[in-house]
Full PDB file with SEQRES, HELIX, SHEET, SSBOND, CRYST1, ORIGX, SCALE, CONECT and MASTER records, all heavy atoms in Angstrom:
SEQRES   1 A   33  GLY MET LYS PHE GLY MET PHE PHE ILE ALA GLU TYR ALA          
SEQRES   2 A   33  GLY ILE VAL LEU VAL SER SER LEU VAL THR THR LEU TYR          
SEQRES   3 A   33  LEU GLY GLY TRP ARG GLY PRO                                  
HELIX    1 AA1 MET A    2  TYR A   26  1                                  25    
CRYST1    1.000    1.000    1.000  90.00  90.00  90.00 P 1           1          
ORIGX1      1.000000  0.000000  0.000000        0.00000                         
ORIGX2      0.000000  1.000000  0.000000        0.00000                         
ORIGX3      0.000000  0.000000  1.000000        0.00000                         
SCALE1      1.000000  0.000000  0.000000        0.00000                         
SCALE2      0.000000  1.000000  0.000000        0.00000                         
SCALE3      0.000000  0.000000  1.000000        0.00000                         
ATOM      1  N   GLY A   1    -114.111  21.539  76.777  1.00  0.00           N  
ATOM      2  CA  GLY A   1    -114.076  21.665  75.329  1.00  0.00           C  
ATOM      3  C   GLY A   1    -114.261  20.335  74.620  1.00  0.00           C  
ATOM      4  O   GLY A   1    -114.958  19.437  75.079  1.00  0.00           O  
ATOM      5  N   MET A   2    -113.574  20.190  73.497  1.00  0.00           N  
ATOM      6  CA  MET A   2    -113.750  19.006  72.662  1.00  0.00           C  
ATOM      7  C   MET A   2    -113.137  17.762  73.276  1.00  0.00           C  
ATOM      8  O   MET A   2    -113.551  16.654  72.947  1.00  0.00           O  
ATOM      9  CB  MET A   2    -113.118  19.263  71.302  1.00  0.00           C  
ATOM     10  CG  MET A   2    -114.025  19.144  70.081  1.00  0.00           C  
ATOM     11  SD  MET A   2    -115.739  18.702  70.302  1.00  0.00           S  
ATOM     12  CE  MET A   2    -115.719  16.999  69.858  1.00  0.00           C  
ATOM     13  N   LYS A   3    -112.187  17.912  74.183  1.00  0.00           N  
ATOM     14  CA  LYS A   3    -111.630  16.730  74.850  1.00  0.00           C  
ATOM     15  C   LYS A   3    -112.695  16.075  75.717  1.00  0.00           C  
ATOM     16  O   LYS A   3    -112.832  14.852  75.717  1.00  0.00           O  
ATOM     17  CB  LYS A   3    -110.416  17.111  75.688  1.00  0.00           C  
ATOM     18  CG  LYS A   3    -109.218  17.583  74.887  1.00  0.00           C  
ATOM     19  CD  LYS A   3    -108.026  17.796  75.795  1.00  0.00           C  
ATOM     20  CE  LYS A   3    -106.862  18.375  75.017  1.00  0.00           C  
ATOM     21  NZ  LYS A   3    -107.147  19.746  74.553  1.00  0.00           N  
ATOM     22  N   PHE A   4    -113.468  16.890  76.444  1.00  0.00           N  
ATOM     23  CA  PHE A   4    -114.608  16.341  77.176  1.00  0.00           C  
ATOM     24  C   PHE A   4    -115.639  15.782  76.207  1.00  0.00           C  
ATOM     25  O   PHE A   4    -116.247  14.736  76.456  1.00  0.00           O  
ATOM     26  CB  PHE A   4    -115.238  17.422  78.053  1.00  0.00           C  
ATOM     27  CG  PHE A   4    -116.535  17.005  78.688  1.00  0.00           C  
ATOM     28  CD1 PHE A   4    -116.539  16.184  79.804  1.00  0.00           C  
ATOM     29  CD2 PHE A   4    -117.752  17.405  78.154  1.00  0.00           C  
ATOM     30  CE1 PHE A   4    -117.729  15.781  80.385  1.00  0.00           C  
ATOM     31  CE2 PHE A   4    -118.949  17.003  78.726  1.00  0.00           C  
ATOM     32  CZ  PHE A   4    -118.933  16.201  79.846  1.00  0.00           C  
ATOM     33  N   GLY A   5    -115.843  16.483  75.087  1.00  0.00           N  
ATOM     34  CA  GLY A   5    -116.799  16.015  74.090  1.00  0.00           C  
ATOM     35  C   GLY A   5    -116.436  14.653  73.532  1.00  0.00           C  
ATOM     36  O   GLY A   5    -117.320  13.837  73.238  1.00  0.00           O  
ATOM     37  N   MET A   6    -115.134  14.362  73.395  1.00  0.00           N  
ATOM     38  CA  MET A   6    -114.706  13.057  72.884  1.00  0.00           C  
ATOM     39  C   MET A   6    -115.071  11.950  73.866  1.00  0.00           C  
ATOM     40  O   MET A   6    -115.522  10.873  73.465  1.00  0.00           O  
ATOM     41  CB  MET A   6    -113.210  13.076  72.600  1.00  0.00           C  
ATOM     42  CG  MET A   6    -112.822  13.953  71.419  1.00  0.00           C  
ATOM     43  SD  MET A   6    -111.047  14.080  71.186  1.00  0.00           S  
ATOM     44  CE  MET A   6    -110.671  12.453  70.528  1.00  0.00           C  
ATOM     45  N   PHE A   7    -114.885  12.186  75.152  1.00  0.00           N  
ATOM     46  CA  PHE A   7    -115.318  11.202  76.146  1.00  0.00           C  
ATOM     47  C   PHE A   7    -116.833  11.011  76.084  1.00  0.00           C  
ATOM     48  O   PHE A   7    -117.346   9.888  76.164  1.00  0.00           O  
ATOM     49  CB  PHE A   7    -114.926  11.657  77.551  1.00  0.00           C  
ATOM     50  CG  PHE A   7    -113.506  11.357  77.925  1.00  0.00           C  
ATOM     51  CD1 PHE A   7    -112.635  12.371  78.293  1.00  0.00           C  
ATOM     52  CD2 PHE A   7    -113.035  10.056  77.922  1.00  0.00           C  
ATOM     53  CE1 PHE A   7    -111.334  12.094  78.648  1.00  0.00           C  
ATOM     54  CE2 PHE A   7    -111.726   9.763  78.265  1.00  0.00           C  
ATOM     55  CZ  PHE A   7    -110.872  10.793  78.627  1.00  0.00           C  
ATOM     56  N   PHE A   8    -117.552  12.121  75.935  1.00  0.00           N  
ATOM     57  CA  PHE A   8    -119.010  12.101  75.916  1.00  0.00           C  
ATOM     58  C   PHE A   8    -119.534  11.320  74.713  1.00  0.00           C  
ATOM     59  O   PHE A   8    -120.411  10.455  74.843  1.00  0.00           O  
ATOM     60  CB  PHE A   8    -119.508  13.547  75.888  1.00  0.00           C  
ATOM     61  CG  PHE A   8    -120.966  13.704  76.195  1.00  0.00           C  
ATOM     62  CD1 PHE A   8    -121.465  13.418  77.459  1.00  0.00           C  
ATOM     63  CD2 PHE A   8    -121.854  14.144  75.229  1.00  0.00           C  
ATOM     64  CE1 PHE A   8    -122.803  13.567  77.749  1.00  0.00           C  
ATOM     65  CE2 PHE A   8    -123.191  14.302  75.512  1.00  0.00           C  
ATOM     66  CZ  PHE A   8    -123.673  14.008  76.772  1.00  0.00           C  
ATOM     67  N   ILE A   9    -118.971  11.606  73.535  1.00  0.00           N  
ATOM     68  CA  ILE A   9    -119.419  10.923  72.316  1.00  0.00           C  
ATOM     69  C   ILE A   9    -118.999   9.457  72.340  1.00  0.00           C  
ATOM     70  O   ILE A   9    -119.736   8.574  71.886  1.00  0.00           O  
ATOM     71  CB  ILE A   9    -118.863  11.642  71.078  1.00  0.00           C  
ATOM     72  CG1 ILE A   9    -119.491  13.040  70.955  1.00  0.00           C  
ATOM     73  CG2 ILE A   9    -119.136  10.846  69.809  1.00  0.00           C  
ATOM     74  CD1 ILE A   9    -118.890  13.893  69.869  1.00  0.00           C  
ATOM     75  N   ALA A  10    -117.800   9.167  72.875  1.00  0.00           N  
ATOM     76  CA  ALA A  10    -117.342   7.778  72.959  1.00  0.00           C  
ATOM     77  C   ALA A  10    -118.275   6.943  73.826  1.00  0.00           C  
ATOM     78  O   ALA A  10    -118.487   5.755  73.559  1.00  0.00           O  
ATOM     79  CB  ALA A  10    -115.920   7.729  73.515  1.00  0.00           C  
ATOM     80  N   GLU A  11    -118.867   7.558  74.855  1.00  0.00           N  
ATOM     81  CA  GLU A  11    -119.813   6.820  75.701  1.00  0.00           C  
ATOM     82  C   GLU A  11    -121.044   6.407  74.906  1.00  0.00           C  
ATOM     83  O   GLU A  11    -121.505   5.262  74.994  1.00  0.00           O  
ATOM     84  CB  GLU A  11    -120.223   7.682  76.894  1.00  0.00           C  
ATOM     85  CG  GLU A  11    -121.266   7.016  77.782  1.00  0.00           C  
ATOM     86  CD  GLU A  11    -121.705   7.903  78.934  1.00  0.00           C  
ATOM     87  OE1 GLU A  11    -120.828   8.525  79.564  1.00  0.00           O  
ATOM     88  OE2 GLU A  11    -122.920   7.971  79.199  1.00  0.00           O  
ATOM     89  N   TYR A  12    -121.582   7.328  74.115  1.00  0.00           N  
ATOM     90  CA  TYR A  12    -122.765   7.008  73.321  1.00  0.00           C  
ATOM     91  C   TYR A  12    -122.429   6.031  72.198  1.00  0.00           C  
ATOM     92  O   TYR A  12    -123.232   5.143  71.876  1.00  0.00           O  
ATOM     93  CB  TYR A  12    -123.386   8.286  72.760  1.00  0.00           C  
ATOM     94  CG  TYR A  12    -124.181   9.036  73.793  1.00  0.00           C  
ATOM     95  CD1 TYR A  12    -123.603  10.058  74.528  1.00  0.00           C  
ATOM     96  CD2 TYR A  12    -125.504   8.713  74.055  1.00  0.00           C  
ATOM     97  CE1 TYR A  12    -124.327  10.739  75.496  1.00  0.00           C  
ATOM     98  CE2 TYR A  12    -126.236   9.384  75.015  1.00  0.00           C  
ATOM     99  CZ  TYR A  12    -125.642  10.401  75.739  1.00  0.00           C  
ATOM    100  OH  TYR A  12    -126.362  11.055  76.697  1.00  0.00           O  
ATOM    101  N   ALA A  13    -121.240   6.177  71.606  1.00  0.00           N  
ATOM    102  CA  ALA A  13    -120.821   5.199  70.601  1.00  0.00           C  
ATOM    103  C   ALA A  13    -120.653   3.824  71.232  1.00  0.00           C  
ATOM    104  O   ALA A  13    -120.944   2.792  70.609  1.00  0.00           O  
ATOM    105  CB  ALA A  13    -119.513   5.649  69.943  1.00  0.00           C  
ATOM    106  N   GLY A  14    -120.201   3.784  72.488  1.00  0.00           N  
ATOM    107  CA  GLY A  14    -120.084   2.513  73.196  1.00  0.00           C  
ATOM    108  C   GLY A  14    -121.435   1.863  73.435  1.00  0.00           C  
ATOM    109  O   GLY A  14    -121.553   0.629  73.391  1.00  0.00           O  
ATOM    110  N   ILE A  15    -122.476   2.670  73.689  1.00  0.00           N  
ATOM    111  CA  ILE A  15    -123.827   2.125  73.841  1.00  0.00           C  
ATOM    112  C   ILE A  15    -124.264   1.447  72.544  1.00  0.00           C  
ATOM    113  O   ILE A  15    -124.810   0.340  72.548  1.00  0.00           O  
ATOM    114  CB  ILE A  15    -124.816   3.244  74.217  1.00  0.00           C  
ATOM    115  CG1 ILE A  15    -124.470   3.819  75.579  1.00  0.00           C  
ATOM    116  CG2 ILE A  15    -126.250   2.717  74.215  1.00  0.00           C  
ATOM    117  CD1 ILE A  15    -125.279   5.050  75.933  1.00  0.00           C  
ATOM    118  N   VAL A  16    -124.022   2.120  71.412  1.00  0.00           N  
ATOM    119  CA  VAL A  16    -124.383   1.540  70.115  1.00  0.00           C  
ATOM    120  C   VAL A  16    -123.578   0.271  69.865  1.00  0.00           C  
ATOM    121  O   VAL A  16    -124.112  -0.723  69.347  1.00  0.00           O  
ATOM    122  CB  VAL A  16    -124.147   2.564  68.984  1.00  0.00           C  
ATOM    123  CG1 VAL A  16    -124.497   1.957  67.636  1.00  0.00           C  
ATOM    124  CG2 VAL A  16    -124.978   3.819  69.216  1.00  0.00           C  
ATOM    125  N   LEU A  17    -122.296   0.261  70.263  1.00  0.00           N  
ATOM    126  CA  LEU A  17    -121.450  -0.915  70.056  1.00  0.00           C  
ATOM    127  C   LEU A  17    -121.973  -2.113  70.846  1.00  0.00           C  
ATOM    128  O   LEU A  17    -122.126  -3.212  70.291  1.00  0.00           O  
ATOM    129  CB  LEU A  17    -120.010  -0.599  70.468  1.00  0.00           C  
ATOM    130  CG  LEU A  17    -119.031  -1.771  70.435  1.00  0.00           C  
ATOM    131  CD1 LEU A  17    -118.868  -2.316  69.029  1.00  0.00           C  
ATOM    132  CD2 LEU A  17    -117.676  -1.366  71.019  1.00  0.00           C  
ATOM    133  N   VAL A  18    -122.248  -1.925  72.122  1.00  0.00           N  
ATOM    134  CA  VAL A  18    -122.747  -3.033  72.950  1.00  0.00           C  
ATOM    135  C   VAL A  18    -124.111  -3.500  72.450  1.00  0.00           C  
ATOM    136  O   VAL A  18    -124.394  -4.708  72.401  1.00  0.00           O  
ATOM    137  CB  VAL A  18    -122.807  -2.619  74.434  1.00  0.00           C  
ATOM    138  CG1 VAL A  18    -123.461  -3.711  75.277  1.00  0.00           C  
ATOM    139  CG2 VAL A  18    -121.408  -2.328  74.964  1.00  0.00           C  
ATOM    140  N   SER A  19    -124.969  -2.560  72.039  1.00  0.00           N  
ATOM    141  CA  SER A  19    -126.282  -2.937  71.497  1.00  0.00           C  
ATOM    142  C   SER A  19    -126.129  -3.727  70.203  1.00  0.00           C  
ATOM    143  O   SER A  19    -126.861  -4.696  69.969  1.00  0.00           O  
ATOM    144  CB  SER A  19    -127.121  -1.679  71.255  1.00  0.00           C  
ATOM    145  OG  SER A  19    -127.326  -0.951  72.443  1.00  0.00           O  
ATOM    146  N   SER A  20    -125.176  -3.327  69.362  1.00  0.00           N  
ATOM    147  CA  SER A  20    -124.907  -4.070  68.123  1.00  0.00           C  
ATOM    148  C   SER A  20    -124.399  -5.467  68.421  1.00  0.00           C  
ATOM    149  O   SER A  20    -124.757  -6.438  67.739  1.00  0.00           O  
ATOM    150  CB  SER A  20    -123.888  -3.310  67.263  1.00  0.00           C  
ATOM    151  OG  SER A  20    -124.342  -2.025  66.938  1.00  0.00           O  
ATOM    152  N   LEU A  21    -123.567  -5.594  69.455  1.00  0.00           N  
ATOM    153  CA  LEU A  21    -123.054  -6.914  69.835  1.00  0.00           C  
ATOM    154  C   LEU A  21    -124.169  -7.811  70.357  1.00  0.00           C  
ATOM    155  O   LEU A  21    -124.214  -9.002  70.027  1.00  0.00           O  
ATOM    156  CB  LEU A  21    -121.964  -6.762  70.894  1.00  0.00           C  
ATOM    157  CG  LEU A  21    -120.565  -6.397  70.398  1.00  0.00           C  
ATOM    158  CD1 LEU A  21    -119.627  -6.181  71.577  1.00  0.00           C  
ATOM    159  CD2 LEU A  21    -120.020  -7.472  69.476  1.00  0.00           C  
ATOM    160  N   VAL A  22    -125.060  -7.251  71.172  1.00  0.00           N  
ATOM    161  CA  VAL A  22    -126.198  -8.030  71.663  1.00  0.00           C  
ATOM    162  C   VAL A  22    -127.039  -8.518  70.495  1.00  0.00           C  
ATOM    163  O   VAL A  22    -127.468  -9.684  70.436  1.00  0.00           O  
ATOM    164  CB  VAL A  22    -127.046  -7.194  72.644  1.00  0.00           C  
ATOM    165  CG1 VAL A  22    -128.350  -7.913  72.966  1.00  0.00           C  
ATOM    166  CG2 VAL A  22    -126.271  -6.923  73.915  1.00  0.00           C  
ATOM    167  N   THR A  23    -127.277  -7.618  69.526  1.00  0.00           N  
ATOM    168  CA  THR A  23    -128.047  -7.988  68.337  1.00  0.00           C  
ATOM    169  C   THR A  23    -127.355  -9.105  67.562  1.00  0.00           C  
ATOM    170  O   THR A  23    -127.996 -10.077  67.132  1.00  0.00           O  
ATOM    171  CB  THR A  23    -128.225  -6.760  67.429  1.00  0.00           C  
ATOM    172  OG1 THR A  23    -128.976  -5.768  68.133  1.00  0.00           O  
ATOM    173  CG2 THR A  23    -128.949  -7.125  66.148  1.00  0.00           C  
ATOM    174  N   THR A  24    -126.053  -8.983  67.373  1.00  0.00           N  
ATOM    175  CA  THR A  24    -125.301  -9.960  66.576  1.00  0.00           C  
ATOM    176  C   THR A  24    -125.185 -11.302  67.275  1.00  0.00           C  
ATOM    177  O   THR A  24    -125.344 -12.360  66.652  1.00  0.00           O  
ATOM    178  CB  THR A  24    -123.904  -9.408  66.262  1.00  0.00           C  
ATOM    179  OG1 THR A  24    -124.027  -8.155  65.578  1.00  0.00           O  
ATOM    180  CG2 THR A  24    -123.109 -10.373  65.404  1.00  0.00           C  
ATOM    181  N   LEU A  25    -124.911 -11.276  68.573  1.00  0.00           N  
ATOM    182  CA  LEU A  25    -124.588 -12.508  69.294  1.00  0.00           C  
ATOM    183  C   LEU A  25    -125.817 -13.248  69.810  1.00  0.00           C  
ATOM    184  O   LEU A  25    -125.793 -14.477  69.937  1.00  0.00           O  
ATOM    185  CB  LEU A  25    -123.671 -12.189  70.472  1.00  0.00           C  
ATOM    186  CG  LEU A  25    -122.315 -11.558  70.114  1.00  0.00           C  
ATOM    187  CD1 LEU A  25    -121.592 -11.110  71.372  1.00  0.00           C  
ATOM    188  CD2 LEU A  25    -121.454 -12.538  69.333  1.00  0.00           C  
ATOM    189  N   TYR A  26    -126.900 -12.518  70.124  1.00  0.00           N  
ATOM    190  CA  TYR A  26    -128.032 -13.154  70.796  1.00  0.00           C  
ATOM    191  C   TYR A  26    -129.368 -12.971  70.088  1.00  0.00           C  
ATOM    192  O   TYR A  26    -130.304 -13.734  70.358  1.00  0.00           O  
ATOM    193  CB  TYR A  26    -128.158 -12.609  72.225  1.00  0.00           C  
ATOM    194  CG  TYR A  26    -126.996 -12.964  73.114  1.00  0.00           C  
ATOM    195  CD1 TYR A  26    -125.996 -12.037  73.375  1.00  0.00           C  
ATOM    196  CD2 TYR A  26    -126.887 -14.226  73.685  1.00  0.00           C  
ATOM    197  CE1 TYR A  26    -124.917 -12.354  74.198  1.00  0.00           C  
ATOM    198  CE2 TYR A  26    -125.828 -14.555  74.507  1.00  0.00           C  
ATOM    199  CZ  TYR A  26    -124.841 -13.613  74.752  1.00  0.00           C  
ATOM    200  OH  TYR A  26    -123.787 -13.940  75.554  1.00  0.00           O  
ATOM    201  N   LEU A  27    -129.486 -11.968  69.223  1.00  0.00           N  
ATOM    202  CA  LEU A  27    -130.789 -11.672  68.617  1.00  0.00           C  
ATOM    203  C   LEU A  27    -130.833 -11.976  67.122  1.00  0.00           C  
ATOM    204  O   LEU A  27    -131.667 -11.432  66.400  1.00  0.00           O  
ATOM    205  CB  LEU A  27    -131.158 -10.199  68.859  1.00  0.00           C  
ATOM    206  CG  LEU A  27    -131.270  -9.769  70.321  1.00  0.00           C  
ATOM    207  CD1 LEU A  27    -131.639  -8.294  70.414  1.00  0.00           C  
ATOM    208  CD2 LEU A  27    -132.288 -10.620  71.073  1.00  0.00           C  
ATOM    209  N   GLY A  28    -129.928 -12.805  66.648  1.00  0.00           N  
ATOM    210  CA  GLY A  28    -129.980 -13.233  65.257  1.00  0.00           C  
ATOM    211  C   GLY A  28    -129.411 -12.264  64.253  1.00  0.00           C  
ATOM    212  O   GLY A  28    -129.560 -12.480  63.041  1.00  0.00           O  
ATOM    213  N   GLY A  29    -128.791 -11.180  64.698  1.00  0.00           N  
ATOM    214  CA  GLY A  29    -128.162 -10.245  63.771  1.00  0.00           C  
ATOM    215  C   GLY A  29    -129.156  -9.647  62.797  1.00  0.00           C  
ATOM    216  O   GLY A  29    -130.200  -9.109  63.180  1.00  0.00           O  
ATOM    217  N   TRP A  30    -128.828  -9.769  61.523  1.00  0.00           N  
ATOM    218  CA  TRP A  30    -129.680  -9.182  60.474  1.00  0.00           C  
ATOM    219  C   TRP A  30    -130.861 -10.067  60.102  1.00  0.00           C  
ATOM    220  O   TRP A  30    -131.648  -9.716  59.238  1.00  0.00           O  
ATOM    221  CB  TRP A  30    -128.827  -8.913  59.232  1.00  0.00           C  
ATOM    222  CG  TRP A  30    -128.242 -10.172  58.646  1.00  0.00           C  
ATOM    223  CD1 TRP A  30    -128.885 -11.094  57.868  1.00  0.00           C  
ATOM    224  CD2 TRP A  30    -126.912 -10.655  58.807  1.00  0.00           C  
ATOM    225  NE1 TRP A  30    -128.044 -12.115  57.528  1.00  0.00           N  
ATOM    226  CE2 TRP A  30    -126.808 -11.875  58.098  1.00  0.00           C  
ATOM    227  CE3 TRP A  30    -125.780 -10.181  59.475  1.00  0.00           C  
ATOM    228  CZ2 TRP A  30    -125.639 -12.611  58.037  1.00  0.00           C  
ATOM    229  CZ3 TRP A  30    -124.613 -10.917  59.421  1.00  0.00           C  
ATOM    230  CH2 TRP A  30    -124.549 -12.128  58.712  1.00  0.00           C  
ATOM    231  N   ARG A  31    -131.018 -11.218  60.726  1.00  0.00           N  
ATOM    232  CA  ARG A  31    -132.064 -12.166  60.335  1.00  0.00           C  
ATOM    233  C   ARG A  31    -133.444 -11.699  60.788  1.00  0.00           C  
ATOM    234  O   ARG A  31    -133.609 -11.193  61.899  1.00  0.00           O  
ATOM    235  CB  ARG A  31    -131.778 -13.541  60.930  1.00  0.00           C  
ATOM    236  CG  ARG A  31    -130.532 -14.179  60.361  1.00  0.00           C  
ATOM    237  CD  ARG A  31    -130.366 -15.600  60.851  1.00  0.00           C  
ATOM    238  NE  ARG A  31    -129.266 -16.246  60.151  1.00  0.00           N  
ATOM    239  CZ  ARG A  31    -129.379 -16.808  58.957  1.00  0.00           C  
ATOM    240  NH1 ARG A  31    -130.544 -16.801  58.342  1.00  0.00           N  
ATOM    241  NH2 ARG A  31    -128.334 -17.371  58.375  1.00  0.00           N  
ATOM    242  N   GLY A  32    -134.432 -11.902  59.904  1.00  0.00           N  
ATOM    243  CA  GLY A  32    -135.806 -11.568  60.211  1.00  0.00           C  
ATOM    244  C   GLY A  32    -136.663 -11.661  58.959  1.00  0.00           C  
ATOM    245  O   GLY A  32    -136.149 -11.565  57.843  1.00  0.00           O  
ATOM    246  N   PRO A  33    -137.967 -11.834  59.118  1.00  0.00           N  
ATOM    247  CA  PRO A  33    -138.847 -11.995  57.946  1.00  0.00           C  
ATOM    248  C   PRO A  33    -139.223 -10.660  57.312  1.00  0.00           C  
ATOM    249  O   PRO A  33    -139.209  -9.619  57.958  1.00  0.00           O  
ATOM    250  CB  PRO A  33    -140.084 -12.674  58.548  1.00  0.00           C  
ATOM    251  CG  PRO A  33    -140.115 -12.171  59.964  1.00  0.00           C  
ATOM    252  CD  PRO A  33    -138.685 -12.009  60.385  1.00  0.00           C  
TER     253      PRO A  33                                                      
MASTER        0    0    0    1    0    0    0    6  252    1    0    3          
END                                                                             
């Protein structure tokens, strides 16, 4: 049920979190022309 769904969604949210951190820490964050 939804308890499994919470683990499932948290995994995908974790992917977005790590990708956001990579962007912020190594790829200049919001900077760009």
